[in-house]
Protein backbone atom coordinates (compact mmCIF):
# COMPACT_ATOMS: atom_id res chain seq x y z
CA MET A 1 -17.03 6.23 -20.58
CA LEU A 2 -15.94 6.15 -16.20
CA GLU A 3 -18.14 8.83 -15.09
CA ILE A 4 -18.76 6.79 -11.99
CA GLY A 5 -14.90 6.54 -11.41
CA ARG A 6 -14.73 10.41 -12.42
CA TYR A 7 -17.10 11.18 -9.66
CA GLU A 8 -15.11 8.87 -7.04
CA THR A 9 -12.16 10.16 -8.24
CA GLU A 10 -13.41 14.06 -7.69
CA LYS A 11 -15.26 13.02 -4.38
CA ARG A 12 -12.07 12.15 -3.32
CA LEU A 13 -9.76 14.29 -4.36
CA ARG A 14 -9.07 16.86 -1.23
CA GLY A 15 -8.47 13.66 0.67
CA THR A 16 -6.51 12.66 -2.20
CA VAL A 17 -4.75 16.20 -1.70
CA ALA A 18 -4.31 16.15 1.90
CA LEU A 19 -2.84 12.69 1.98
CA VAL A 20 0.20 13.45 -1.07
CA VAL A 21 1.28 16.31 1.25
CA GLY A 22 1.14 14.78 4.37
CA ILE A 23 2.72 11.34 3.07
CA ALA A 24 5.57 14.13 1.56
CA ALA A 25 6.23 16.67 4.27
CA LEU A 26 6.55 13.73 6.31
CA SER A 27 9.44 12.06 4.37
CA LEU A 28 11.21 15.33 4.64
CA VAL A 29 11.11 15.18 8.08
CA PHE A 30 11.86 11.87 8.55
CA LEU A 31 15.30 12.74 5.91
CA ALA A 32 15.88 16.01 7.88
CA PHE A 33 17.54 13.53 10.88
CA PHE A 34 19.54 11.53 9.42
CA PRO A 35 22.10 14.02 8.84
CA SER A 36 22.35 14.52 12.78
CA LEU A 37 22.17 10.09 12.56
CA GLU A 38 24.83 9.68 10.63
CA SER A 39 27.06 12.14 12.58
CA ALA A 40 26.25 10.11 15.70
CA ASP A 41 29.11 8.72 17.79
CA VAL A 42 26.86 5.14 17.49
CA ASP A 43 27.57 1.98 15.55
CA ILE A 44 23.21 1.98 14.29
CA ASP A 45 23.70 -1.18 12.47
CA ALA A 46 25.55 -2.92 15.56
CA MET A 47 22.50 -1.98 17.87
CA LEU A 48 19.92 -3.33 15.05
CA ALA A 49 21.55 -6.59 14.58
CA ALA A 50 20.47 -7.67 18.28
CA TYR A 51 16.96 -6.62 17.21
CA PRO A 52 14.76 -9.87 17.26
CA PRO A 53 14.63 -11.22 14.06
CA ALA A 54 11.04 -11.09 13.78
CA ILE A 55 11.44 -7.80 14.02
CA GLN A 56 14.24 -6.70 11.76
CA GLU A 57 12.15 -8.67 8.96
CA ALA A 58 9.04 -6.41 10.12
CA PHE A 59 10.90 -3.34 9.06
CA GLY A 60 13.27 -4.64 6.77
CA ILE A 61 16.41 -3.36 8.85
CA ALA A 62 19.58 -3.61 7.14
CA THR A 63 21.52 -0.80 7.77
CA LEU A 64 21.03 2.81 8.93
CA SER A 65 24.27 4.31 7.74
CA THR A 66 23.26 4.74 4.70
CA VAL A 67 20.82 7.19 3.61
CA GLU A 68 19.12 4.10 0.90
CA GLY A 69 19.02 2.55 3.73
CA PHE A 70 17.67 4.71 6.12
CA LEU A 71 14.73 5.32 3.03
CA ALA A 72 14.06 2.00 3.35
CA VAL A 73 13.34 1.65 6.76
CA GLU A 74 11.66 4.53 8.16
CA ILE A 75 10.30 5.46 5.14
CA TYR A 76 8.78 2.80 3.07
CA GLN A 77 8.72 -0.45 5.25
CA PHE A 78 6.99 1.36 7.91
CA VAL A 79 4.84 4.35 6.01
CA TRP A 80 4.50 2.34 2.02
CA LEU A 81 4.34 -1.29 3.00
CA LEU A 82 2.67 -0.50 6.32
CA LEU A 83 0.45 2.70 6.69
CA LEU A 84 -0.34 2.63 3.33
CA GLY A 85 -1.35 -0.86 2.89
CA LEU A 86 -3.79 -0.54 5.40
CA TYR A 87 -5.13 2.87 4.11
CA PHE A 88 -6.01 1.48 0.79
CA ALA A 89 -7.40 -1.71 2.03
CA TYR A 90 -9.75 0.14 4.45
CA SER A 91 -10.64 2.61 1.82
CA ALA A 92 -11.39 -0.25 -0.61
CA ALA A 93 -13.46 -1.59 1.98
CA GLY A 94 -16.20 1.18 1.49
CA LEU A 95 -15.99 1.87 -2.21
CA ILE A 96 -19.70 -0.58 -2.99
CA ALA A 97 -20.43 -1.31 1.68
CA GLY A 98 -20.73 1.94 2.11
CA ASP A 99 -23.10 2.84 -1.02
CA VAL A 100 -25.31 -0.09 -0.09
CA GLU A 101 -25.82 0.87 3.90
CA ARG A 102 -26.54 4.55 2.86
CA ASP A 103 -29.28 3.32 0.28
CA ARG A 104 -27.41 5.13 -2.72
CA MET A 105 -26.43 2.04 -4.31
CA ASP A 106 -30.21 1.53 -5.64
CA LEU A 107 -30.43 4.87 -7.44
CA THR A 108 -26.94 4.19 -9.36
CA LEU A 109 -28.24 0.52 -10.30
CA SER A 110 -31.40 2.03 -11.87
CA LEU A 111 -28.98 4.09 -13.91
CA PRO A 112 -27.92 2.26 -17.13
CA VAL A 113 -24.94 0.59 -15.41
CA SER A 114 -23.91 -3.04 -15.13
CA ARG A 115 -22.52 -3.78 -11.56
CA SER A 116 -19.47 -5.11 -13.10
CA ARG A 117 -18.72 -1.40 -14.42
CA VAL A 118 -20.03 0.20 -10.96
CA LEU A 119 -17.42 -1.88 -8.87
CA VAL A 120 -14.55 -1.86 -11.95
CA GLU A 121 -14.84 2.06 -11.93
CA LYS A 122 -14.61 2.28 -8.56
CA PHE A 123 -11.82 0.12 -7.84
CA LEU A 124 -9.89 2.05 -10.77
CA SER A 125 -10.61 5.53 -8.74
CA LEU A 126 -8.05 4.11 -6.20
CA SER A 127 -5.49 4.48 -9.01
CA VAL A 128 -5.33 7.86 -9.05
CA PRO A 129 -4.34 8.70 -5.27
CA ILE A 130 -1.72 5.85 -5.62
CA LEU A 131 -0.18 7.34 -8.68
CA ALA A 132 -0.19 10.64 -7.36
CA LEU A 133 1.32 9.79 -3.77
CA ASN A 134 4.01 8.02 -5.85
CA ALA A 135 5.37 10.71 -8.31
CA VAL A 136 5.25 13.89 -5.99
CA VAL A 137 6.62 11.57 -2.71
CA ALA A 138 9.03 10.82 -5.01
CA ALA A 139 9.95 13.96 -6.37
CA ALA A 140 10.11 15.08 -2.76
CA VAL A 141 12.36 12.49 -1.49
CA TYR A 142 14.66 12.55 -4.37
CA VAL A 143 14.98 16.41 -3.55
CA GLY A 144 14.95 16.03 -0.29
CA VAL A 145 18.35 13.39 -0.34
CA LEU A 146 20.26 16.13 -2.45
CA ALA A 147 19.15 19.12 -0.15
CA ILE A 148 20.94 17.25 2.43
CA GLY A 149 23.93 16.39 0.82
CA GLN A 150 23.49 12.27 -0.07
CA SER A 151 23.07 10.95 -3.19
CA ILE A 152 20.63 8.06 -4.32
CA ASP A 153 19.84 5.97 -7.47
CA PRO A 154 17.11 7.58 -9.08
CA LEU A 155 16.22 4.03 -10.79
CA ASP A 156 16.34 2.76 -7.46
CA LEU A 157 14.18 5.48 -6.35
CA ALA A 158 11.42 5.05 -9.25
CA MET A 159 11.41 1.55 -9.11
CA VAL A 160 10.55 1.37 -5.28
CA HIS A 161 8.03 3.88 -5.85
CA LEU A 162 6.63 2.09 -9.03
CA LEU A 163 6.81 -1.43 -8.00
CA SER A 164 4.46 -0.17 -4.69
CA VAL A 165 1.36 0.50 -7.35
CA PRO A 166 0.94 -3.51 -7.34
CA TYR A 167 1.44 -4.17 -3.47
CA LEU A 168 -0.99 -0.93 -3.31
CA LEU A 169 -3.81 -1.90 -5.50
CA ALA A 170 -3.54 -5.28 -4.35
CA CYS A 171 -4.39 -4.09 -0.68
CA GLY A 172 -7.18 -2.22 -2.15
CA ALA A 173 -8.65 -5.67 -4.35
CA ILE A 174 -8.69 -7.41 -0.61
CA GLY A 175 -10.73 -4.06 0.60
CA LEU A 176 -13.32 -4.86 -2.10
CA VAL A 177 -13.90 -8.06 -1.58
CA LEU A 178 -14.55 -7.48 1.54
CA SER A 179 -16.55 -4.42 0.76
CA VAL A 180 -19.14 -7.07 -1.53
CA LEU A 181 -19.01 -9.28 1.31
CA VAL A 182 -20.20 -7.19 4.09
CA ASP A 183 -23.02 -4.57 3.73
CA ARG A 184 -21.59 -2.63 7.00
CA ALA A 185 -19.08 -0.53 5.82
CA ASP A 186 -17.57 -0.01 9.09
CA VAL A 187 -17.61 -3.17 9.73
CA ALA A 188 -15.81 -3.85 6.29
CA LYS A 189 -13.27 -1.31 6.77
CA ARG A 190 -12.63 -3.12 10.93
CA ILE A 191 -11.78 -6.44 8.83
CA ALA A 192 -9.55 -4.62 5.58
CA ILE A 193 -7.40 -3.05 8.34
CA ALA A 194 -7.03 -6.51 10.43
CA LEU A 195 -6.53 -8.74 7.80
CA VAL A 196 -3.47 -6.45 6.33
CA PHE A 197 -1.92 -6.27 9.51
CA VAL A 198 -2.42 -9.86 10.36
CA LEU A 199 -1.15 -10.73 6.45
CA PHE A 200 1.81 -8.36 7.28
CA LEU A 201 2.53 -10.03 10.63
CA VAL A 202 2.46 -13.22 9.34
CA GLU A 203 4.99 -12.90 6.67
CA SER A 204 7.19 -10.93 8.86
CA ILE A 205 7.19 -14.11 11.18
CA ALA A 206 7.20 -16.42 8.45
CA ALA A 207 10.18 -15.01 6.91
CA SER A 208 12.06 -15.40 9.91
CA THR A 209 10.90 -19.39 10.82
CA GLU A 210 12.65 -21.66 8.49
CA GLU A 211 9.45 -23.83 9.06
CA LEU A 212 6.81 -21.82 8.39
CA GLU A 213 8.33 -19.72 5.65
CA TRP A 214 5.73 -20.94 2.87
CA ILE A 215 2.87 -19.58 5.03
CA GLY A 216 4.45 -16.04 4.14
CA TYR A 217 3.39 -16.70 -0.10
CA ALA A 218 -0.18 -15.29 1.57
CA SER A 219 1.18 -11.87 2.44
CA PRO A 220 0.95 -9.20 -0.24
CA THR A 221 4.07 -8.23 1.75
CA ARG A 222 6.36 -11.46 0.58
CA TYR A 223 6.15 -9.55 -3.16
CA TYR A 224 7.36 -5.80 -2.56
CA ASP A 225 10.42 -5.66 -0.44
CA PRO A 226 11.83 -1.73 -0.75
CA THR A 227 14.48 -2.81 0.88
CA ALA A 228 16.36 -4.99 -1.64
CA ILE A 229 15.46 -2.59 -4.27
CA LEU A 230 16.97 -0.11 -2.14
CA VAL A 231 19.73 -1.34 -0.58
CA GLU A 232 21.00 -4.07 -2.79
CA GLY A 233 19.43 -2.46 -5.84
CA SER A 234 17.38 -5.63 -6.42
CA TYR A 235 13.96 -5.81 -8.39
CA ASP A 236 11.61 -8.84 -7.54
CA LEU A 237 9.84 -8.05 -10.93
CA ALA A 238 8.47 -11.59 -10.78
CA GLY A 239 6.61 -10.32 -7.40
CA ALA A 240 5.31 -7.88 -8.80
CA ALA A 241 3.71 -10.08 -11.66
CA VAL A 242 1.90 -12.32 -8.40
CA LEU A 243 0.48 -8.89 -7.29
CA LEU A 244 -1.40 -7.81 -10.49
CA ALA A 245 -2.75 -11.11 -10.82
CA ALA A 246 -4.11 -11.30 -7.36
CA THR A 247 -5.54 -8.09 -7.77
CA VAL A 248 -7.50 -9.35 -10.95
CA ALA A 249 -8.01 -12.40 -9.40
CA LEU A 250 -9.60 -10.49 -6.02
CA VAL A 251 -11.65 -7.91 -8.17
CA LEU A 252 -13.16 -10.95 -10.41
CA LEU A 253 -14.18 -12.27 -7.23
CA ALA A 254 -15.83 -9.46 -5.82
CA ARG A 255 -17.57 -8.60 -9.60
CA PHE A 256 -19.06 -11.93 -8.86
CA ARG A 257 -19.74 -12.09 -5.88
CA PHE A 258 -21.17 -8.70 -6.48
CA SER A 259 -23.24 -9.33 -9.35
CA ARG A 260 -25.09 -11.56 -7.58
CA ALA A 261 -25.79 -9.75 -4.24
CA ASP A 262 -29.50 -8.28 -3.35
CA ILE A 263 -28.90 -5.28 -2.73
CA GLY A 264 -32.46 -4.92 -1.26
CA ALA A 265 -31.49 -7.45 1.35
């Protein structure tokens, strides 16, 4: 069981290690700047208040005067919410389309495996880098915060990582649907990046415009708010459930499409 998923995981193992180490190192670099920011004779929060509402919403800007607010803006709103969301959508968009384009899918399907199993196991292989990132970076951030003489609620830190898993899976599921709709991997990946980025912008604008607020419910970013978790200690468990439900629905949609696709076409 799970031979396909294991193969996909092993194939991306080097990339996963590089990604985890890179993000952990970047997080520590950001943290190293906080003491100088904290000691600066400038009212940073007053300056941030002058930013347009859409910018404040896009990057979850609440405060930079505390380590929690700093982490929320510099790491979780930018790196986790935007960059990793784009990354996993991009990666998932190549899972099926890449094999179809290179004529490897015919060989895979000639084995005694169903299309559903191929698709689901390929998608599940994304859970390995997602879990590894959250485990390693959470530990690195906690140690880094202590190293600069600050403190952070370990439960809030754990929850900001735990609740990011449904969000990143949902972004991956968006890419997976595109992977079965578009045969060319590069095209599917570009569309996935553009779509997730547009959804990020739409939610940012909608959240700062009362008349358009309803549009933001279509974006995964509406249901995962790192700033609320770290700064306010507020956990949106219902939002996580929505993201998991959306992930399942998108995977089922991809499965339906893939089961009826003519691979040789």
